Amino acid sequence: MKSLTMYRPADSVRTLVDIDRLIDSFFGTPASDRGIGATSKYPPVDVRETSDAYVFEASLPGYTEKDIEINVDGTTLTIESKKELEKSGKKEDGDDNYLVRERYSEYFSRSFKLPENADSSEIAAEFKNGLLALNIKKRAEAQKRVIEISSK
């Protein structure tokens, strides 16, 4: 019989993981709502401002555009995904003979409050090579403009 033992170097590491899960459940979706074996990781997001737009760039390696959902509700922009790992339907030798299976699904949800001058109806999204780019236009009346001074 095959035997596999998980290496856990110290109880302090387990305590830190438990604290992380507690904080995640307080600020995000509780682990029990995500399902057994679900992991939550927050993708890194860079936000920059140009003269006419706000640009959000999120690193999402391993995801496809079908895995990602983008919502705008008022001034709140939410990027989320629930990605279920595929299970093989075959039961041949070597298939689905896991000794340990901890990767069932992945879930994340990130929300951002948009500035008042952001035009939530003018959002363009592009996904390429694991990078999600959102371009959120500023309202025309909120953009900086130069006013010429006339001489009389």
N, C-alpha and C. Protein backbone atom coordinates (compact mmCIF):
# COMPACT_ATOMS: atom_id res chain seq x y z
N MET A 1 0.84 -1.19 0.00
CA MET A 1 0.00 0.00 0.00
C MET A 1 0.88 1.24 0.00
N LYS A 2 0.51 2.21 -0.81
CA LYS A 2 1.26 3.46 -0.89
C LYS A 2 0.91 4.33 0.30
N SER A 3 1.91 5.02 0.80
CA SER A 3 1.68 5.90 1.93
C SER A 3 2.35 7.23 1.65
N LEU A 4 1.65 8.30 1.91
CA LEU A 4 2.18 9.63 1.70
C LEU A 4 1.90 10.44 2.94
N THR A 5 2.92 11.06 3.46
CA THR A 5 2.79 11.88 4.66
C THR A 5 3.12 13.31 4.31
N MET A 6 2.28 14.22 4.74
CA MET A 6 2.52 15.64 4.50
C MET A 6 3.58 16.13 5.48
N TYR A 7 4.55 16.88 4.98
CA TYR A 7 5.59 17.44 5.82
C TYR A 7 5.13 18.78 6.35
N ARG A 8 5.05 18.90 7.64
CA ARG A 8 4.69 20.15 8.29
C ARG A 8 5.79 20.46 9.30
N PRO A 9 6.68 21.41 8.95
CA PRO A 9 7.87 21.63 9.75
C PRO A 9 7.61 22.14 11.16
N ALA A 10 6.58 22.92 11.36
CA ALA A 10 6.34 23.45 12.71
C ALA A 10 4.88 23.83 12.86
N ASP A 11 4.42 23.80 14.09
CA ASP A 11 3.06 24.21 14.37
C ASP A 11 2.86 25.70 14.13
N SER A 12 3.93 26.50 14.23
CA SER A 12 3.80 27.94 14.02
C SER A 12 3.39 28.25 12.59
N VAL A 13 3.87 27.45 11.62
CA VAL A 13 3.48 27.67 10.23
C VAL A 13 1.99 27.40 10.06
N ARG A 14 1.50 26.34 10.66
CA ARG A 14 0.08 26.01 10.59
C ARG A 14 -0.75 27.12 11.22
N THR A 15 -0.27 27.70 12.31
CA THR A 15 -0.97 28.79 12.97
C THR A 15 -1.06 30.01 12.06
N LEU A 16 0.04 30.32 11.37
CA LEU A 16 0.03 31.45 10.44
C LEU A 16 -0.95 31.23 9.29
N VAL A 17 -1.01 30.02 8.78
CA VAL A 17 -1.97 29.69 7.72
C VAL A 17 -3.39 29.86 8.23
N ASP A 18 -3.66 29.40 9.46
CA ASP A 18 -4.99 29.55 10.04
C ASP A 18 -5.36 31.03 10.21
N ILE A 19 -4.39 31.84 10.60
CA ILE A 19 -4.64 33.29 10.75
C ILE A 19 -4.95 33.90 9.39
N ASP A 20 -4.20 33.51 8.35
CA ASP A 20 -4.47 34.01 6.99
C ASP A 20 -5.89 33.65 6.56
N ARG A 21 -6.30 32.42 6.82
CA ARG A 21 -7.65 32.00 6.45
C ARG A 21 -8.71 32.79 7.20
N LEU A 22 -8.44 33.08 8.48
CA LEU A 22 -9.38 33.86 9.28
C LEU A 22 -9.51 35.27 8.72
N ILE A 23 -8.38 35.89 8.37
CA ILE A 23 -8.41 37.23 7.81
C ILE A 23 -9.12 37.22 6.46
N ASP A 24 -8.82 36.21 5.61
CA ASP A 24 -9.50 36.10 4.32
C ASP A 24 -11.01 35.99 4.50
N SER A 25 -11.44 35.20 5.47
CA SER A 25 -12.88 35.01 5.65
C SER A 25 -13.53 36.29 6.19
N PHE A 26 -12.77 37.12 6.90
CA PHE A 26 -13.32 38.36 7.42
C PHE A 26 -13.47 39.40 6.31
N PHE A 27 -12.45 39.52 5.45
CA PHE A 27 -12.46 40.55 4.41
C PHE A 27 -13.01 40.05 3.07
N GLY A 28 -13.08 38.76 2.89
CA GLY A 28 -13.55 38.23 1.62
C GLY A 28 -14.66 37.23 1.85
N THR A 29 -14.75 36.30 0.97
CA THR A 29 -15.76 35.26 1.08
C THR A 29 -15.23 34.18 2.02
N PRO A 30 -16.00 33.78 3.03
CA PRO A 30 -15.55 32.72 3.92
C PRO A 30 -15.23 31.44 3.16
N ALA A 31 -14.23 30.72 3.63
CA ALA A 31 -13.80 29.49 2.97
C ALA A 31 -14.95 28.49 2.85
N SER A 32 -15.85 28.47 3.82
CA SER A 32 -16.96 27.52 3.76
C SER A 32 -17.91 27.84 2.61
N ASP A 33 -17.98 29.13 2.20
CA ASP A 33 -18.84 29.51 1.08
C ASP A 33 -18.21 29.19 -0.27
N ARG A 34 -16.89 29.01 -0.28
CA ARG A 34 -16.19 28.74 -1.54
C ARG A 34 -16.15 27.26 -1.84
N GLY A 35 -16.46 26.44 -0.88
CA GLY A 35 -16.44 24.99 -1.11
C GLY A 35 -15.18 24.37 -0.56
N ILE A 36 -15.24 23.10 -0.30
CA ILE A 36 -14.11 22.37 0.24
C ILE A 36 -12.98 22.35 -0.77
N GLY A 37 -11.80 22.64 -0.32
CA GLY A 37 -10.63 22.58 -1.19
C GLY A 37 -10.44 23.81 -2.04
N ALA A 38 -11.30 24.80 -1.90
CA ALA A 38 -11.13 26.01 -2.70
C ALA A 38 -10.02 26.86 -2.11
N THR A 39 -9.26 27.48 -2.95
CA THR A 39 -8.22 28.38 -2.47
C THR A 39 -8.53 29.77 -2.97
N SER A 40 -8.16 30.76 -2.19
CA SER A 40 -8.38 32.14 -2.58
C SER A 40 -7.04 32.81 -2.69
N LYS A 41 -6.78 33.38 -3.84
CA LYS A 41 -5.58 34.17 -4.00
C LYS A 41 -5.99 35.44 -4.71
N TYR A 42 -5.37 36.51 -4.33
CA TYR A 42 -5.73 37.78 -4.92
C TYR A 42 -4.67 38.14 -5.94
N PRO A 43 -5.07 38.28 -7.20
CA PRO A 43 -4.08 38.62 -8.22
C PRO A 43 -3.56 40.03 -8.01
N PRO A 44 -2.29 40.24 -8.32
CA PRO A 44 -1.76 41.60 -8.19
C PRO A 44 -2.34 42.50 -9.27
N VAL A 45 -2.70 43.71 -8.89
CA VAL A 45 -3.31 44.67 -9.80
C VAL A 45 -2.54 45.99 -9.72
N ASP A 46 -2.16 46.51 -10.88
CA ASP A 46 -1.56 47.84 -10.96
C ASP A 46 -2.62 48.78 -11.50
N VAL A 47 -2.72 49.97 -10.90
CA VAL A 47 -3.67 50.98 -11.36
C VAL A 47 -2.87 52.24 -11.64
N ARG A 48 -3.05 52.77 -12.85
CA ARG A 48 -2.37 54.02 -13.19
C ARG A 48 -3.37 54.96 -13.84
N GLU A 49 -3.00 56.23 -13.80
CA GLU A 49 -3.87 57.26 -14.36
C GLU A 49 -3.16 57.92 -15.54
N THR A 50 -3.88 58.06 -16.64
CA THR A 50 -3.39 58.83 -17.78
C THR A 50 -4.22 60.11 -17.85
N SER A 51 -3.94 60.92 -18.84
CA SER A 51 -4.67 62.19 -18.93
C SER A 51 -6.16 62.00 -19.19
N ASP A 52 -6.53 60.89 -19.87
CA ASP A 52 -7.94 60.70 -20.21
C ASP A 52 -8.56 59.40 -19.71
N ALA A 53 -7.81 58.62 -18.91
CA ALA A 53 -8.36 57.33 -18.46
C ALA A 53 -7.63 56.81 -17.22
N TYR A 54 -8.24 55.79 -16.63
CA TYR A 54 -7.60 54.99 -15.58
C TYR A 54 -7.35 53.62 -16.18
N VAL A 55 -6.17 53.08 -15.94
CA VAL A 55 -5.80 51.78 -16.51
C VAL A 55 -5.53 50.80 -15.37
N PHE A 56 -6.28 49.70 -15.39
CA PHE A 56 -6.09 48.61 -14.42
C PHE A 56 -5.41 47.47 -15.17
N GLU A 57 -4.35 46.90 -14.59
CA GLU A 57 -3.68 45.73 -15.16
C GLU A 57 -3.56 44.67 -14.08
N ALA A 58 -4.16 43.51 -14.33
CA ALA A 58 -4.16 42.41 -13.37
C ALA A 58 -3.45 41.20 -13.97
N SER A 59 -2.54 40.62 -13.20
CA SER A 59 -1.84 39.41 -13.64
C SER A 59 -2.68 38.19 -13.29
N LEU A 60 -3.08 37.44 -14.32
CA LEU A 60 -3.93 36.27 -14.13
C LEU A 60 -3.38 35.09 -14.92
N PRO A 61 -2.18 34.62 -14.59
CA PRO A 61 -1.62 33.48 -15.33
C PRO A 61 -2.45 32.22 -15.09
N GLY A 62 -2.64 31.45 -16.14
CA GLY A 62 -3.41 30.21 -16.03
C GLY A 62 -4.90 30.40 -16.23
N TYR A 63 -5.35 31.63 -16.34
CA TYR A 63 -6.77 31.91 -16.56
C TYR A 63 -7.02 32.19 -18.04
N THR A 64 -8.26 32.06 -18.45
CA THR A 64 -8.68 32.47 -19.79
C THR A 64 -9.75 33.53 -19.60
N GLU A 65 -10.12 34.18 -20.71
CA GLU A 65 -11.16 35.21 -20.60
C GLU A 65 -12.50 34.61 -20.17
N LYS A 66 -12.70 33.32 -20.40
CA LYS A 66 -13.95 32.66 -19.97
C LYS A 66 -14.01 32.47 -18.46
N ASP A 67 -12.84 32.46 -17.79
CA ASP A 67 -12.77 32.27 -16.34
C ASP A 67 -13.02 33.55 -15.56
N ILE A 68 -12.99 34.69 -16.22
CA ILE A 68 -12.99 35.99 -15.54
C ILE A 68 -14.32 36.70 -15.78
N GLU A 69 -14.83 37.34 -14.73
CA GLU A 69 -16.04 38.14 -14.84
C GLU A 69 -15.76 39.53 -14.29
N ILE A 70 -16.16 40.54 -15.03
CA ILE A 70 -15.96 41.94 -14.62
C ILE A 70 -17.33 42.58 -14.49
N ASN A 71 -17.59 43.20 -13.34
CA ASN A 71 -18.88 43.85 -13.07
C ASN A 71 -18.65 45.28 -12.61
N VAL A 72 -19.55 46.15 -12.96
CA VAL A 72 -19.56 47.52 -12.44
C VAL A 72 -20.93 47.77 -11.85
N ASP A 73 -20.94 48.18 -10.59
CA ASP A 73 -22.18 48.50 -9.89
C ASP A 73 -22.01 49.89 -9.29
N GLY A 74 -22.56 50.89 -9.96
CA GLY A 74 -22.36 52.27 -9.50
C GLY A 74 -20.90 52.65 -9.69
N THR A 75 -20.22 52.89 -8.59
CA THR A 75 -18.81 53.26 -8.65
C THR A 75 -17.89 52.12 -8.19
N THR A 76 -18.43 50.92 -8.10
CA THR A 76 -17.63 49.77 -7.66
C THR A 76 -17.35 48.85 -8.83
N LEU A 77 -16.06 48.65 -9.09
CA LEU A 77 -15.61 47.73 -10.13
C LEU A 77 -15.17 46.44 -9.45
N THR A 78 -15.68 45.30 -9.92
CA THR A 78 -15.33 44.00 -9.34
C THR A 78 -14.79 43.09 -10.43
N ILE A 79 -13.63 42.49 -10.13
CA ILE A 79 -13.03 41.48 -11.00
C ILE A 79 -13.07 40.19 -10.20
N GLU A 80 -13.69 39.14 -10.75
CA GLU A 80 -13.79 37.90 -10.00
C GLU A 80 -13.69 36.69 -10.92
N SER A 81 -13.40 35.56 -10.29
CA SER A 81 -13.32 34.31 -11.03
C SER A 81 -13.54 33.16 -10.08
N LYS A 82 -14.21 32.16 -10.58
CA LYS A 82 -14.32 30.88 -9.89
C LYS A 82 -13.96 29.84 -10.93
N LYS A 83 -12.82 29.26 -10.77
CA LYS A 83 -12.29 28.33 -11.76
C LYS A 83 -12.27 26.93 -11.15
N GLU A 84 -13.08 26.05 -11.73
CA GLU A 84 -13.12 24.66 -11.29
C GLU A 84 -12.09 23.87 -12.07
N LEU A 85 -11.32 23.05 -11.39
CA LEU A 85 -10.37 22.19 -12.08
C LEU A 85 -11.12 21.04 -12.70
N GLU A 86 -10.76 20.72 -13.93
CA GLU A 86 -11.45 19.66 -14.65
C GLU A 86 -11.05 18.30 -14.08
N LYS A 87 -12.02 17.42 -14.03
CA LYS A 87 -11.76 16.05 -13.60
C LYS A 87 -11.89 15.15 -14.81
N SER A 88 -10.99 14.24 -14.91
CA SER A 88 -11.01 13.31 -16.03
C SER A 88 -12.13 12.30 -15.82
N GLY A 89 -12.86 12.00 -16.89
CA GLY A 89 -13.94 11.04 -16.80
C GLY A 89 -13.45 9.61 -16.95
N LYS A 90 -12.20 9.45 -17.37
CA LYS A 90 -11.66 8.11 -17.59
C LYS A 90 -11.17 7.51 -16.28
N LYS A 91 -11.16 6.21 -16.24
CA LYS A 91 -10.61 5.48 -15.10
C LYS A 91 -9.64 4.43 -15.60
N GLU A 92 -8.65 4.87 -16.37
CA GLU A 92 -7.65 3.95 -16.87
C GLU A 92 -6.47 3.93 -15.90
N ASP A 93 -5.56 3.00 -16.13
CA ASP A 93 -4.36 2.94 -15.29
C ASP A 93 -3.62 4.27 -15.37
N GLY A 94 -3.30 4.81 -14.22
CA GLY A 94 -2.57 6.06 -14.17
C GLY A 94 -3.45 7.30 -14.11
N ASP A 95 -4.73 7.19 -14.43
CA ASP A 95 -5.63 8.34 -14.37
C ASP A 95 -6.33 8.39 -13.02
N ASP A 96 -6.43 9.60 -12.48
CA ASP A 96 -7.16 9.86 -11.24
C ASP A 96 -6.72 8.98 -10.08
N ASN A 97 -5.45 8.67 -10.01
CA ASN A 97 -4.93 7.92 -8.87
C ASN A 97 -4.20 8.87 -7.94
N TYR A 98 -4.91 9.89 -7.49
CA TYR A 98 -4.30 10.89 -6.61
C TYR A 98 -4.10 10.30 -5.22
N LEU A 99 -2.95 10.62 -4.65
CA LEU A 99 -2.72 10.28 -3.25
C LEU A 99 -3.17 11.43 -2.36
N VAL A 100 -2.95 12.65 -2.84
CA VAL A 100 -3.43 13.86 -2.16
C VAL A 100 -3.97 14.77 -3.24
N ARG A 101 -5.17 15.32 -3.04
CA ARG A 101 -5.74 16.27 -4.00
C ARG A 101 -6.24 17.47 -3.23
N GLU A 102 -5.47 18.57 -3.29
CA GLU A 102 -5.85 19.79 -2.58
C GLU A 102 -6.34 20.88 -3.54
N ARG A 103 -6.15 20.72 -4.81
CA ARG A 103 -6.53 21.73 -5.79
C ARG A 103 -7.87 21.37 -6.43
N TYR A 104 -8.95 21.81 -5.83
CA TYR A 104 -10.28 21.55 -6.38
C TYR A 104 -10.75 22.72 -7.23
N SER A 105 -10.63 23.91 -6.69
CA SER A 105 -11.07 25.09 -7.43
C SER A 105 -10.30 26.30 -6.92
N GLU A 106 -10.34 27.34 -7.69
CA GLU A 106 -9.71 28.60 -7.30
C GLU A 106 -10.76 29.69 -7.40
N TYR A 107 -10.74 30.58 -6.43
CA TYR A 107 -11.71 31.66 -6.39
C TYR A 107 -11.00 32.93 -5.98
N PHE A 108 -11.35 34.03 -6.62
CA PHE A 108 -10.92 35.33 -6.12
C PHE A 108 -11.96 36.36 -6.50
N SER A 109 -11.96 37.44 -5.76
CA SER A 109 -12.81 38.57 -6.04
C SER A 109 -12.10 39.82 -5.54
N ARG A 110 -11.88 40.76 -6.42
CA ARG A 110 -11.25 42.04 -6.06
C ARG A 110 -12.21 43.15 -6.45
N SER A 111 -12.43 44.08 -5.53
CA SER A 111 -13.31 45.21 -5.80
C SER A 111 -12.55 46.51 -5.61
N PHE A 112 -12.88 47.48 -6.45
CA PHE A 112 -12.23 48.78 -6.41
C PHE A 112 -13.30 49.86 -6.50
N LYS A 113 -13.13 50.92 -5.71
CA LYS A 113 -14.04 52.06 -5.80
C LYS A 113 -13.47 53.00 -6.85
N LEU A 114 -14.27 53.25 -7.88
CA LEU A 114 -13.82 54.12 -8.96
C LEU A 114 -13.93 55.59 -8.55
N PRO A 115 -13.02 56.42 -9.05
CA PRO A 115 -13.11 57.85 -8.76
C PRO A 115 -14.39 58.43 -9.36
N GLU A 116 -14.82 59.56 -8.84
CA GLU A 116 -16.07 60.18 -9.30
C GLU A 116 -16.02 60.58 -10.77
N ASN A 117 -14.82 60.88 -11.28
CA ASN A 117 -14.73 61.32 -12.67
C ASN A 117 -14.57 60.17 -13.66
N ALA A 118 -14.63 58.93 -13.20
CA ALA A 118 -14.54 57.77 -14.09
C ALA A 118 -15.89 57.54 -14.75
N ASP A 119 -15.86 57.25 -16.03
CA ASP A 119 -17.10 56.99 -16.79
C ASP A 119 -17.30 55.47 -16.86
N SER A 120 -18.16 54.95 -16.00
CA SER A 120 -18.34 53.49 -15.91
C SER A 120 -19.00 52.90 -17.16
N SER A 121 -19.54 53.75 -18.03
CA SER A 121 -20.12 53.23 -19.27
C SER A 121 -19.07 53.12 -20.38
N GLU A 122 -17.88 53.63 -20.14
CA GLU A 122 -16.80 53.60 -21.12
C GLU A 122 -15.63 52.77 -20.58
N ILE A 123 -15.83 51.47 -20.48
CA ILE A 123 -14.78 50.56 -20.01
C ILE A 123 -14.46 49.56 -21.11
N ALA A 124 -13.20 49.47 -21.45
CA ALA A 124 -12.74 48.50 -22.45
C ALA A 124 -11.86 47.49 -21.74
N ALA A 125 -12.09 46.20 -22.01
CA ALA A 125 -11.30 45.14 -21.38
C ALA A 125 -10.58 44.34 -22.45
N GLU A 126 -9.33 44.00 -22.15
CA GLU A 126 -8.54 43.18 -23.07
C GLU A 126 -7.77 42.16 -22.24
N PHE A 127 -7.73 40.92 -22.72
CA PHE A 127 -7.02 39.85 -22.01
C PHE A 127 -6.04 39.20 -22.98
N LYS A 128 -4.76 39.22 -22.63
CA LYS A 128 -3.75 38.64 -23.52
C LYS A 128 -2.58 38.13 -22.67
N ASN A 129 -2.21 36.87 -22.92
CA ASN A 129 -1.06 36.25 -22.25
C ASN A 129 -1.12 36.37 -20.72
N GLY A 130 -2.29 36.18 -20.15
CA GLY A 130 -2.43 36.19 -18.70
C GLY A 130 -2.49 37.57 -18.08
N LEU A 131 -2.61 38.62 -18.89
CA LEU A 131 -2.70 39.98 -18.38
C LEU A 131 -4.05 40.58 -18.77
N LEU A 132 -4.83 40.94 -17.77
CA LEU A 132 -6.11 41.60 -17.99
C LEU A 132 -5.88 43.10 -17.90
N ALA A 133 -6.25 43.83 -18.95
CA ALA A 133 -6.11 45.28 -18.97
C ALA A 133 -7.48 45.91 -19.12
N LEU A 134 -7.81 46.80 -18.20
CA LEU A 134 -9.07 47.54 -18.25
C LEU A 134 -8.74 49.01 -18.46
N ASN A 135 -9.38 49.62 -19.44
CA ASN A 135 -9.19 51.04 -19.71
C ASN A 135 -10.51 51.73 -19.42
N ILE A 136 -10.52 52.56 -18.37
CA ILE A 136 -11.73 53.23 -17.94
C ILE A 136 -11.58 54.72 -18.24
N LYS A 137 -12.37 55.18 -19.18
CA LYS A 137 -12.29 56.58 -19.61
C LYS A 137 -12.75 57.52 -18.50
N LYS A 138 -12.17 58.71 -18.50
CA LYS A 138 -12.63 59.76 -17.61
C LYS A 138 -13.75 60.50 -18.32
N ARG A 139 -14.66 61.07 -17.55
CA ARG A 139 -15.72 61.87 -18.15
C ARG A 139 -15.11 63.09 -18.82
N ALA A 140 -15.67 63.48 -19.93
CA ALA A 140 -15.13 64.60 -20.70
C ALA A 140 -15.07 65.88 -19.87
N GLU A 141 -16.10 66.12 -19.08
CA GLU A 141 -16.12 67.35 -18.28
C GLU A 141 -15.09 67.34 -17.16
N ALA A 142 -14.58 66.15 -16.80
CA ALA A 142 -13.62 66.04 -15.72
C ALA A 142 -12.17 66.07 -16.21
N GLN A 143 -11.97 65.99 -17.51
CA GLN A 143 -10.61 65.99 -18.05
C GLN A 143 -10.00 67.39 -18.01
N LYS A 144 -8.71 67.40 -17.83
CA LYS A 144 -7.99 68.65 -17.77
C LYS A 144 -7.99 69.29 -19.16
N ARG A 145 -8.23 70.59 -19.20
CA ARG A 145 -8.18 71.30 -20.47
C ARG A 145 -7.52 72.65 -20.24
N VAL A 146 -6.92 73.12 -21.27
CA VAL A 146 -6.23 74.41 -21.20
C VAL A 146 -7.17 75.49 -21.71
N ILE A 147 -7.26 76.56 -20.98
CA ILE A 147 -8.11 77.69 -21.34
C ILE A 147 -7.21 78.83 -21.81
N GLU A 148 -7.43 79.23 -23.01
CA GLU A 148 -6.62 80.31 -23.56
C GLU A 148 -7.12 81.66 -23.04
N ILE A 149 -6.18 82.52 -22.83
CA ILE A 149 -6.49 83.87 -22.32
C ILE A 149 -6.44 84.81 -23.53
N SER A 150 -7.50 85.52 -23.72
CA SER A 150 -7.52 86.46 -24.85
C SER A 150 -7.10 87.85 -24.37
N SER A 151 -6.45 88.56 -25.24
CA SER A 151 -6.03 89.91 -24.90
C SER A 151 -6.99 90.90 -25.57
N LYS A 152 -7.36 91.93 -24.86
CA LYS A 152 -8.30 92.92 -25.40
C LYS A 152 -7.63 94.22 -25.61
